[in-house]
């Protein structure tokens, strides 16, 4: 389908991630270690660690690898110490970009992120320059054709903040970060299978980009995502598919 589609943009992002499966493990391991170090190694008491372990299992990471990295982070084994750093900036057409990193060398990371922004047509911004355009929330996305009434009934009863049906027919369930797990579990228990479920930075408004600008924006995003220290990239560009 030509034109702007949130569903198509999400599917493209998932496809890009699938192409880089080798890097998924590296990112998940870092997330596990930071989550365990900041919130402890007990899964029942650490929601962030539970989500990271779920990602690891979805990426077919062995249980002993998961446990070893939790042990490293909680001091039971020697390991690298990572810190979380967020960068903000602008892409093509003034589109807002947030780059979340985990690094053991912040000097290297900021240099690499700044280089990619400048080389591929973007600009690094200051802290807080674009974050206000995003909402930190849980996002659960269902494919077009899913029973909208059932999703709405189950999600709202479980504590979701909102249920949005996009122009392309995809259904988004929005939750507070702390309610994400409960809503996701309720939807799964009702037999509703999500295509995407994550705690994310959701753009409040989007900037539509097509043609050469869309291609340039996609290139910039791809190059940022390819950096070793980058964990997540959020943006507010709706990039039109080629006709």
Protein backbone atom coordinates (compact mmCIF):
# COMPACT_ATOMS: atom_id res chain seq x y z
CA UNK A 1 0.00 0.00 0.00
CA UNK A 2 1.39 3.43 -0.90
CA UNK A 3 1.08 6.32 1.49
CA UNK A 4 1.50 6.89 5.20
CA UNK A 5 0.62 4.00 7.48
CA UNK A 6 1.52 3.51 11.12
CA UNK A 7 1.06 -0.22 10.60
CA UNK A 8 3.48 -0.22 7.66
CA UNK A 9 6.02 1.79 9.62
CA UNK A 10 5.84 -0.62 12.57
CA UNK A 11 6.17 -3.63 10.26
CA UNK A 12 9.18 -2.07 8.55
CA UNK A 13 10.82 -1.50 11.92
CA UNK A 14 10.18 -5.09 12.96
CA UNK A 15 11.63 -6.29 9.67
CA UNK A 16 14.77 -4.23 10.20
CA UNK A 17 15.14 -5.70 13.68
CA UNK A 18 14.70 -9.22 12.36
CA UNK A 19 17.51 -8.61 9.89
CA UNK A 20 19.82 -7.73 12.77
CA UNK A 21 19.15 -10.70 15.02
CA UNK A 22 22.84 -10.99 15.92
CA UNK A 23 22.70 -7.55 17.50
CA UNK A 24 19.45 -8.26 19.37
CA UNK A 25 21.26 -10.46 21.91
CA UNK A 26 23.82 -7.76 22.63
CA UNK A 27 21.11 -5.18 23.25
CA UNK A 28 19.02 -7.51 25.41
CA UNK A 29 22.02 -8.52 27.52
CA UNK A 30 22.77 -4.87 28.24
CA UNK A 31 19.13 -4.24 29.15
CA UNK A 32 19.14 -7.25 31.51
CA UNK A 33 22.33 -6.07 33.20
CA UNK A 34 21.17 -2.49 33.71
CA UNK A 35 17.72 -3.59 34.90
CA UNK A 36 19.22 -6.09 37.36
CA UNK A 37 21.81 -3.64 38.64
CA UNK A 38 19.26 -0.86 39.25
CA UNK A 39 16.34 -2.96 40.48
CA UNK A 40 17.86 -6.21 41.75
CA UNK A 41 17.94 -9.72 40.35
CA UNK A 42 14.55 -10.88 41.66
CA UNK A 43 12.18 -11.15 38.69
CA UNK A 44 9.07 -11.00 40.86
CA UNK A 45 10.11 -7.64 42.33
CA UNK A 46 11.65 -6.04 39.22
CA UNK A 47 9.19 -5.35 36.35
CA UNK A 48 11.88 -3.90 34.10
CA UNK A 49 13.97 -7.05 34.47
CA UNK A 50 10.92 -9.23 33.72
CA UNK A 51 10.38 -7.35 30.45
CA UNK A 52 14.06 -7.68 29.54
CA UNK A 53 14.00 -11.43 30.23
CA UNK A 54 10.84 -11.75 28.11
CA UNK A 55 12.71 -10.05 25.24
CA UNK A 56 15.63 -12.43 25.76
CA UNK A 57 13.38 -15.49 25.62
CA UNK A 58 11.65 -14.14 22.50
CA UNK A 59 15.11 -13.90 20.91
CA UNK A 60 15.79 -17.55 21.87
CA UNK A 61 18.50 -16.70 24.39
CA UNK A 62 19.41 -19.70 26.59
CA UNK A 63 18.34 -19.57 30.24
CA UNK A 64 21.91 -19.97 31.51
CA UNK A 65 23.01 -16.94 29.46
CA UNK A 66 20.20 -14.90 30.99
CA UNK A 67 21.09 -16.02 34.52
CA UNK A 68 24.81 -15.38 34.02
CA UNK A 69 24.19 -11.78 32.99
CA UNK A 70 21.83 -11.16 35.90
CA UNK A 71 24.54 -12.52 38.21
CA UNK A 72 27.14 -10.23 36.64
CA UNK A 73 24.93 -7.20 37.15
CA UNK A 74 24.11 -8.00 40.78
CA UNK A 75 27.73 -8.57 41.75
CA UNK A 76 27.80 -12.35 41.81
CA UNK A 77 30.09 -12.39 38.76
CA UNK A 78 32.55 -9.84 37.42
CA UNK A 79 31.20 -7.90 34.45
CA UNK A 80 31.24 -4.65 32.50
CA UNK A 81 29.33 -1.70 33.98
CA UNK A 82 27.01 0.05 31.53
CA UNK A 83 25.34 3.42 31.96
CA UNK A 84 22.23 4.67 30.21
CA UNK A 85 22.47 7.88 28.19
CA UNK A 86 19.74 9.49 26.09
CA UNK A 87 20.49 11.75 23.13
CA UNK A 88 17.98 13.93 21.33
CA UNK A 89 18.07 15.50 17.91
CA UNK A 90 16.40 16.37 14.65
CA UNK A 91 16.21 14.44 11.40
CA UNK A 92 15.04 15.32 7.92
CA UNK A 93 12.28 17.93 7.79
CA UNK A 94 12.71 18.70 11.49
CA UNK A 95 11.50 15.24 12.56
CA UNK A 96 12.23 14.55 16.24
CA UNK A 97 14.56 11.67 17.19
CA UNK A 98 15.38 10.16 20.59
CA UNK A 99 18.35 7.78 20.84
CA UNK A 100 18.65 5.61 23.97
CA UNK A 101 22.08 4.08 24.50
CA UNK A 102 23.85 1.84 27.00
CA UNK A 103 27.59 2.29 27.07
CA UNK A 104 30.78 1.64 28.98
CA UNK A 105 32.41 4.66 27.29
CA UNK A 106 30.26 7.79 27.01
CA UNK A 107 32.95 9.75 25.12
CA UNK A 108 32.97 7.17 22.32
CA UNK A 109 29.19 6.93 22.21
CA UNK A 110 28.43 10.65 21.97
CA UNK A 111 31.07 11.03 19.25
CA UNK A 112 29.55 8.21 17.20
CA UNK A 113 25.97 9.45 17.58
CA UNK A 114 26.93 13.04 16.73
CA UNK A 115 28.90 11.87 13.67
CA UNK A 116 25.93 9.94 12.25
CA UNK A 117 23.52 12.83 12.83
CA UNK A 118 25.79 15.30 11.03
CA UNK A 119 26.80 12.95 8.21
CA UNK A 120 23.26 11.93 7.27
CA UNK A 121 21.44 15.26 7.43
CA UNK A 122 20.37 15.50 11.06
CA UNK A 123 21.34 17.69 14.01
CA UNK A 124 22.06 16.77 17.61
CA UNK A 125 19.92 18.71 20.07
CA UNK A 126 20.24 19.49 23.76
CA UNK A 127 18.68 17.44 26.54
CA UNK A 128 14.91 17.95 26.51
CA UNK A 129 14.85 19.52 23.06
CA UNK A 130 12.47 16.91 21.58
CA UNK A 131 11.47 14.58 24.44
CA UNK A 132 8.39 16.71 25.20
CA UNK A 133 6.96 15.56 21.86
CA UNK A 134 6.80 11.95 23.09
CA UNK A 135 4.87 10.10 25.78
CA UNK A 136 6.49 7.38 27.89
CA UNK A 137 3.89 4.61 27.84
CA UNK A 138 3.05 1.01 27.14
CA UNK A 139 2.01 0.34 23.54
CA UNK A 140 0.26 -2.84 22.42
CA UNK A 141 -0.48 -3.01 18.70
CA UNK A 142 -2.94 -5.31 16.95
CA UNK A 143 -3.14 -5.97 13.22
CA UNK A 144 -5.92 -4.53 11.06
CA UNK A 145 -8.94 -6.82 11.22
CA UNK A 146 -8.65 -7.58 14.95
CA UNK A 147 -11.94 -7.43 16.89
CA UNK A 148 -11.93 -3.79 17.99
CA UNK A 149 -14.80 -4.13 20.47
CA UNK A 150 -13.16 -7.06 22.23
CA UNK A 151 -9.79 -5.31 22.43
CA UNK A 152 -11.42 -2.20 23.87
CA UNK A 153 -13.49 -4.09 26.42
CA UNK A 154 -10.61 -6.20 27.74
CA UNK A 155 -8.00 -3.43 27.65
CA UNK A 156 -10.03 -0.77 29.42
CA UNK A 157 -11.23 -3.21 32.06
CA UNK A 158 -7.59 -4.18 32.73
CA UNK A 159 -6.56 -0.55 33.24
CA UNK A 160 -5.49 0.75 29.82
CA UNK A 161 -5.49 4.53 29.33
CA UNK A 162 -6.79 4.52 25.76
CA UNK A 163 -7.57 2.39 22.73
CA UNK A 164 -6.95 4.02 19.35
CA UNK A 165 -7.95 2.70 15.93
CA UNK A 166 -5.61 4.12 13.29
CA UNK A 167 -6.65 5.07 9.76
CA UNK A 168 -5.10 1.86 8.42
CA UNK A 169 -7.20 -0.31 10.77
CA UNK A 170 -4.45 -1.15 13.26
CA UNK A 171 -5.54 -0.96 16.90
CA UNK A 172 -3.27 0.58 19.54
CA UNK A 173 -3.71 0.03 23.25
CA UNK A 174 -1.99 2.71 25.33
CA UNK A 175 -1.15 2.13 29.00
CA UNK A 176 0.78 3.78 31.79
CA UNK A 177 4.22 2.11 32.00
CA UNK A 178 3.35 0.55 35.35
CA UNK A 179 0.12 -0.98 34.00
CA UNK A 180 1.66 -2.42 30.83
CA UNK A 181 2.19 -5.98 32.09
CA UNK A 182 -1.29 -6.32 33.59
CA UNK A 183 -3.02 -5.08 30.43
CA UNK A 184 -0.81 -7.20 28.14
CA UNK A 185 -1.50 -10.32 30.23
CA UNK A 186 -5.26 -9.67 30.24
CA UNK A 187 -5.32 -9.30 26.45
CA UNK A 188 -3.32 -12.50 26.01
CA UNK A 189 -5.64 -14.36 28.41
CA UNK A 190 -8.58 -13.24 26.26
CA UNK A 191 -6.95 -14.80 23.19
CA UNK A 192 -5.90 -11.50 21.63
CA UNK A 193 -2.44 -11.78 20.08
CA UNK A 194 -0.53 -8.53 19.68
CA UNK A 195 1.93 -7.91 16.86
CA UNK A 196 3.96 -5.58 19.04
CA UNK A 197 3.98 -5.00 22.80
CA UNK A 198 6.52 -2.76 24.50
CA UNK A 199 7.11 0.13 26.85
CA UNK A 200 8.14 2.90 24.50
CA UNK A 201 8.36 6.61 23.76
CA UNK A 202 5.28 7.23 21.59
CA UNK A 203 5.22 10.30 19.39
CA UNK A 204 2.31 12.63 20.21
CA UNK A 205 2.25 13.98 16.64
CA UNK A 206 3.88 12.79 13.43
CA UNK A 207 5.65 14.48 10.55
CA UNK A 208 4.90 12.92 7.15
CA UNK A 209 7.89 12.36 4.89
CA UNK A 210 7.87 10.88 1.40
CA UNK A 211 10.05 10.60 -1.68
CA UNK A 212 13.67 11.66 -1.27
CA UNK A 213 13.08 13.09 2.22
CA UNK A 214 11.57 9.80 3.37
CA UNK A 215 14.50 7.84 1.97
CA UNK A 216 17.02 10.17 3.62
CA UNK A 217 15.23 9.90 6.96
CA UNK A 218 15.17 6.11 6.77
CA UNK A 219 18.90 6.09 6.00
CA UNK A 220 19.62 8.31 9.02
CA UNK A 221 17.53 6.06 11.30
CA UNK A 222 19.19 2.91 9.96
CA UNK A 223 22.68 4.31 10.54
CA UNK A 224 21.84 5.35 14.10
CA UNK A 225 20.36 1.92 14.85
CA UNK A 226 23.49 0.24 13.51
CA UNK A 227 25.69 1.86 16.18
CA UNK A 228 26.85 -0.72 18.71
CA UNK A 229 25.86 1.28 21.81
CA UNK A 230 22.34 2.15 20.62
CA UNK A 231 19.50 0.30 22.35
CA UNK A 232 16.39 2.04 20.99
CA UNK A 233 15.57 4.78 18.49
CA UNK A 234 12.27 6.67 18.69
CA UNK A 235 11.07 9.23 16.16
CA UNK A 236 7.95 11.04 14.99
CA UNK A 237 8.40 10.57 11.23
CA UNK A 238 5.71 8.78 9.25
CA UNK A 239 7.66 7.57 6.24
CA UNK A 240 5.61 6.85 3.12
CA UNK A 241 6.16 3.51 1.44
CA UNK A 242 7.32 3.59 -2.13
CA UNK A 243 4.46 3.15 -4.57
